[in-house]
């Protein structure tokens, strides 16, 4: 038994199409997950227990089950409440929801790590709540959010392979098709694993460069830096 690169050359268009679908679906799921995570994190940070409870339940339930189970629940369960959605749509939503609960906990932890009184300091000098978030809170969140968010994004890229189980034509599904036609699993899955590694490594590299660039521009930003020594009642001694 020998490794035959010709198999990969002959079937490269199929793998390339699957890789493109994986990139697209992973990107959509990451963005969707982060967007959904913001209100979930906001509810988890709420003072009223009745607001925290739904977010806490969602996080615990989704984190407590394998992604494959969540995917099957949505793919086979949603049609009971409406029309059956395409597998690609269901799979992307499931992947985004799976990532959202992890992103939400990262956002919550980053917010709790901020010095207290930042929002009040901005409001005290005449900023609106939105301006305070934009100029004071958000710049301080980036350093704490980027590394763990990158890890979650890499997890979602790898979990996207599970979408092959509902016939989403992503990279793993394409690899299974090629393997079934060529009976050459070693060549096919070495190439498949390499493509997943390339995508994950590219994301990690971009994240590292982004962190360094943000550090050079001063993590807190010019406006935020002025408020690090303030609380709601004035400068700290």
Protein backbone atom coordinates (compact mmCIF):
# COMPACT_ATOMS: atom_id res chain seq x y z
CA UNK A 1 0.00 0.00 0.00
CA UNK A 2 1.47 3.35 -1.06
CA UNK A 3 0.42 6.98 -0.93
CA UNK A 4 -0.86 8.03 -4.37
CA UNK A 5 -0.94 11.83 -4.90
CA UNK A 6 -2.64 11.33 -8.27
CA UNK A 7 -5.88 10.54 -6.44
CA UNK A 8 -5.83 13.98 -4.85
CA UNK A 9 -4.98 15.70 -8.12
CA UNK A 10 -7.82 13.99 -9.96
CA UNK A 11 -10.35 14.78 -7.24
CA UNK A 12 -9.09 18.16 -6.15
CA UNK A 13 -12.07 20.12 -7.61
CA UNK A 14 -14.46 18.18 -5.36
CA UNK A 15 -12.36 18.81 -2.25
CA UNK A 16 -11.87 22.46 -3.20
CA UNK A 17 -15.61 23.02 -3.48
CA UNK A 18 -16.13 21.39 -0.10
CA UNK A 19 -13.38 23.53 1.40
CA UNK A 20 -15.01 26.69 0.05
CA UNK A 21 -18.33 25.68 1.61
CA UNK A 22 -16.59 25.01 4.94
CA UNK A 23 -14.97 28.45 4.89
CA UNK A 24 -18.28 30.14 4.09
CA UNK A 25 -20.37 28.22 6.64
CA UNK A 26 -17.75 28.58 9.37
CA UNK A 27 -17.51 32.34 8.81
CA UNK A 28 -21.29 32.73 8.88
CA UNK A 29 -21.60 30.59 12.02
CA UNK A 30 -18.86 32.53 13.82
CA UNK A 31 -20.47 35.89 13.03
CA UNK A 32 -23.95 34.59 13.86
CA UNK A 33 -22.73 33.05 17.09
CA UNK A 34 -21.04 36.24 18.25
CA UNK A 35 -24.10 38.34 17.40
CA UNK A 36 -26.40 35.96 19.30
CA UNK A 37 -23.94 35.89 22.21
CA UNK A 38 -24.30 39.61 22.92
CA UNK A 39 -27.93 39.52 24.14
CA UNK A 40 -27.30 36.21 25.90
CA UNK A 41 -24.36 37.74 27.78
CA UNK A 42 -26.42 40.85 28.55
CA UNK A 43 -29.15 38.71 30.09
CA UNK A 44 -26.60 36.71 32.06
CA UNK A 45 -25.22 39.98 33.45
CA UNK A 46 -28.66 41.34 34.36
CA UNK A 47 -29.39 42.08 38.01
CA UNK A 48 -32.85 40.52 38.02
CA UNK A 49 -32.79 36.72 38.49
CA UNK A 50 -35.72 36.24 36.10
CA UNK A 51 -33.65 37.78 33.30
CA UNK A 52 -30.57 35.72 34.13
CA UNK A 53 -32.46 32.43 34.30
CA UNK A 54 -33.28 31.95 30.56
CA UNK A 55 -29.71 32.75 29.54
CA UNK A 56 -28.27 30.46 32.20
CA UNK A 57 -30.55 27.60 31.14
CA UNK A 58 -29.69 28.02 27.47
CA UNK A 59 -25.97 28.06 28.19
CA UNK A 60 -26.12 25.01 30.45
CA UNK A 61 -28.31 22.97 28.09
CA UNK A 62 -26.36 23.69 24.91
CA UNK A 63 -22.94 23.29 26.54
CA UNK A 64 -24.07 20.06 28.15
CA UNK A 65 -24.83 18.19 24.93
CA UNK A 66 -22.66 17.09 21.99
CA UNK A 67 -22.96 19.26 18.90
CA UNK A 68 -24.21 16.27 16.91
CA UNK A 69 -27.21 15.91 19.25
CA UNK A 70 -28.01 19.63 19.00
CA UNK A 71 -27.74 19.43 15.23
CA UNK A 72 -30.13 16.48 15.03
CA UNK A 73 -32.60 18.14 17.39
CA UNK A 74 -32.77 21.23 15.20
CA UNK A 75 -32.63 19.44 11.86
CA UNK A 76 -35.34 16.91 12.67
CA UNK A 77 -37.26 18.91 15.28
CA UNK A 78 -37.78 22.30 13.61
CA UNK A 79 -40.02 20.87 10.82
CA UNK A 80 -42.63 20.09 13.50
CA UNK A 81 -43.04 23.85 14.02
CA UNK A 82 -42.81 25.02 10.42
CA UNK A 83 -41.47 24.23 6.96
CA UNK A 84 -38.35 22.11 6.65
CA UNK A 85 -35.36 24.34 6.09
CA UNK A 86 -32.43 23.41 3.84
CA UNK A 87 -29.76 21.40 5.63
CA UNK A 88 -27.24 24.17 5.02
CA UNK A 89 -29.44 26.73 6.79
CA UNK A 90 -30.21 24.44 9.73
CA UNK A 91 -26.58 23.42 10.05
CA UNK A 92 -25.30 26.99 10.01
CA UNK A 93 -27.85 28.06 12.64
CA UNK A 94 -27.02 25.06 14.84
CA UNK A 95 -23.30 25.78 14.59
CA UNK A 96 -23.88 29.46 15.37
CA UNK A 97 -26.04 28.62 18.39
CA UNK A 98 -23.44 26.16 19.65
CA UNK A 99 -20.78 28.84 19.46
CA UNK A 100 -23.03 31.56 20.90
CA UNK A 101 -23.19 30.05 24.38
CA UNK A 102 -19.39 29.90 24.53
CA UNK A 103 -18.97 33.41 23.13
CA UNK A 104 -21.52 34.65 25.68
CA UNK A 105 -19.47 33.35 28.60
CA UNK A 106 -16.32 34.93 27.17
CA UNK A 107 -18.08 38.28 26.77
CA UNK A 108 -19.50 38.06 30.29
CA UNK A 109 -16.09 37.30 31.77
CA UNK A 110 -14.48 40.17 29.85
CA UNK A 111 -17.12 42.62 31.07
CA UNK A 112 -16.77 41.47 34.68
CA UNK A 113 -12.99 41.91 34.44
CA UNK A 114 -13.33 45.63 33.68
CA UNK A 115 -12.72 48.15 36.47
CA UNK A 116 -15.98 49.15 38.08
CA UNK A 117 -17.51 52.54 37.36
CA UNK A 118 -16.41 52.82 33.73
CA UNK A 119 -19.92 53.37 32.36
CA UNK A 120 -20.77 55.82 35.14
CA UNK A 121 -17.58 57.79 34.48
CA UNK A 122 -18.52 58.26 30.85
CA UNK A 123 -22.05 59.32 31.74
CA UNK A 124 -20.68 61.76 34.33
CA UNK A 125 -18.80 63.74 31.66
CA UNK A 126 -21.78 63.93 29.33
CA UNK A 127 -21.38 60.82 27.16
CA UNK A 128 -24.42 58.85 26.12
CA UNK A 129 -24.59 55.17 27.00
CA UNK A 130 -23.71 54.27 23.40
CA UNK A 131 -20.73 56.65 23.39
CA UNK A 132 -19.53 55.22 26.69
CA UNK A 133 -19.69 51.68 25.30
CA UNK A 134 -17.96 52.67 22.06
CA UNK A 135 -15.15 54.82 23.44
CA UNK A 136 -14.57 53.38 26.92
CA UNK A 137 -15.95 49.87 27.33
CA UNK A 138 -15.39 48.30 23.90
CA UNK A 139 -11.67 49.19 23.51
CA UNK A 140 -10.95 47.56 26.86
CA UNK A 141 -12.85 44.40 25.96
CA UNK A 142 -10.86 43.57 22.82
CA UNK A 143 -7.65 42.30 24.50
CA UNK A 144 -9.62 39.95 26.74
CA UNK A 145 -12.00 38.79 24.03
CA UNK A 146 -9.67 38.05 21.14
CA UNK A 147 -7.69 34.98 22.35
CA UNK A 148 -10.62 32.96 23.78
CA UNK A 149 -12.86 33.98 20.88
CA UNK A 150 -10.24 32.68 18.47
CA UNK A 151 -10.24 29.35 20.29
CA UNK A 152 -14.03 29.15 20.00
CA UNK A 153 -13.87 30.03 16.31
CA UNK A 154 -11.34 27.25 15.75
CA UNK A 155 -13.65 24.87 17.59
CA UNK A 156 -16.52 25.83 15.29
CA UNK A 157 -14.38 25.24 12.21
CA UNK A 158 -13.65 21.72 13.40
CA UNK A 159 -17.25 21.08 14.49
CA UNK A 160 -18.43 22.09 11.01
CA UNK A 161 -17.32 18.62 9.89
CA UNK A 162 -20.34 17.23 11.78
CA UNK A 163 -22.61 18.97 9.27
CA UNK A 164 -21.72 16.20 6.84
CA UNK A 165 -24.11 13.99 8.82
CA UNK A 166 -27.09 15.96 7.46
CA UNK A 167 -25.64 16.07 3.91
CA UNK A 168 -24.29 19.62 3.99
CA UNK A 169 -21.74 19.57 1.14
CA UNK A 170 -18.80 20.85 3.19
CA UNK A 171 -15.24 19.52 3.24
CA UNK A 172 -15.79 16.31 5.21
CA UNK A 173 -18.86 15.40 3.15
CA UNK A 174 -16.85 15.96 -0.04
CA UNK A 175 -14.02 13.85 1.36
CA UNK A 176 -16.43 11.01 2.10
CA UNK A 177 -17.71 11.16 -1.48
CA UNK A 178 -14.19 11.00 -2.88
CA UNK A 179 -13.21 8.20 -0.51
CA UNK A 180 -16.27 6.21 -1.53
CA UNK A 181 -15.33 6.52 -5.19
CA UNK A 182 -11.59 5.92 -4.89
CA UNK A 183 -11.37 3.62 -1.82
CA UNK A 184 -8.30 5.62 -0.77
CA UNK A 185 -9.07 6.89 2.74
CA UNK A 186 -5.48 7.69 3.69
CA UNK A 187 -4.83 10.08 0.81
CA UNK A 188 -8.24 11.70 1.07
CA UNK A 189 -8.25 12.29 4.81
CA UNK A 190 -4.61 13.40 4.98
CA UNK A 191 -5.56 16.11 2.50
CA UNK A 192 -8.76 16.88 4.39
CA UNK A 193 -6.99 17.19 7.72
CA UNK A 194 -4.36 19.43 6.14
CA UNK A 195 -7.03 21.78 4.78
CA UNK A 196 -8.69 22.05 8.20
CA UNK A 197 -5.29 22.79 9.74
CA UNK A 198 -4.55 25.48 7.15
CA UNK A 199 -7.86 27.21 7.87
CA UNK A 200 -7.42 27.00 11.64
CA UNK A 201 -3.80 28.15 11.48
CA UNK A 202 -4.73 31.10 9.25
CA UNK A 203 -7.32 32.19 11.79
CA UNK A 204 -4.86 31.90 14.67
CA UNK A 205 -2.24 33.89 12.75
CA UNK A 206 -4.74 36.64 11.95
CA UNK A 207 -5.78 36.77 15.60
CA UNK A 208 -2.18 37.06 16.79
CA UNK A 209 -1.45 39.87 14.36
CA UNK A 210 -4.64 41.63 15.37
CA UNK A 211 -3.68 41.41 19.04
CA UNK A 212 -0.24 42.85 18.36
CA UNK A 213 -1.65 45.66 16.26
CA UNK A 214 -4.18 46.50 18.94
CA UNK A 215 -1.45 46.45 21.59
CA UNK A 216 0.65 48.91 19.58
CA UNK A 217 -2.33 51.26 19.45
CA UNK A 218 -2.66 51.05 23.29
CA UNK A 219 -5.20 48.51 24.48
CA UNK A 220 -7.52 50.96 26.23
CA UNK A 221 -7.56 53.60 23.54
CA UNK A 222 -7.01 57.30 24.11
CA UNK A 223 -10.40 58.07 25.57
CA UNK A 224 -10.68 54.91 27.66
CA UNK A 225 -7.22 55.49 29.11
CA UNK A 226 -8.41 58.74 30.64
CA UNK A 227 -11.09 56.90 32.59
CA UNK A 228 -9.08 54.01 33.99
CA UNK A 229 -8.38 55.99 37.14
CA UNK A 230 -11.93 57.26 37.50
CA UNK A 231 -14.97 55.86 39.21
CA UNK A 232 -18.50 57.16 39.30
CA UNK A 233 -17.60 59.72 42.01
CA UNK A 234 -14.37 61.14 40.61
CA UNK A 235 -10.64 60.34 40.40
CA UNK A 236 -9.24 57.57 42.51
CA UNK A 237 -6.53 58.60 44.98
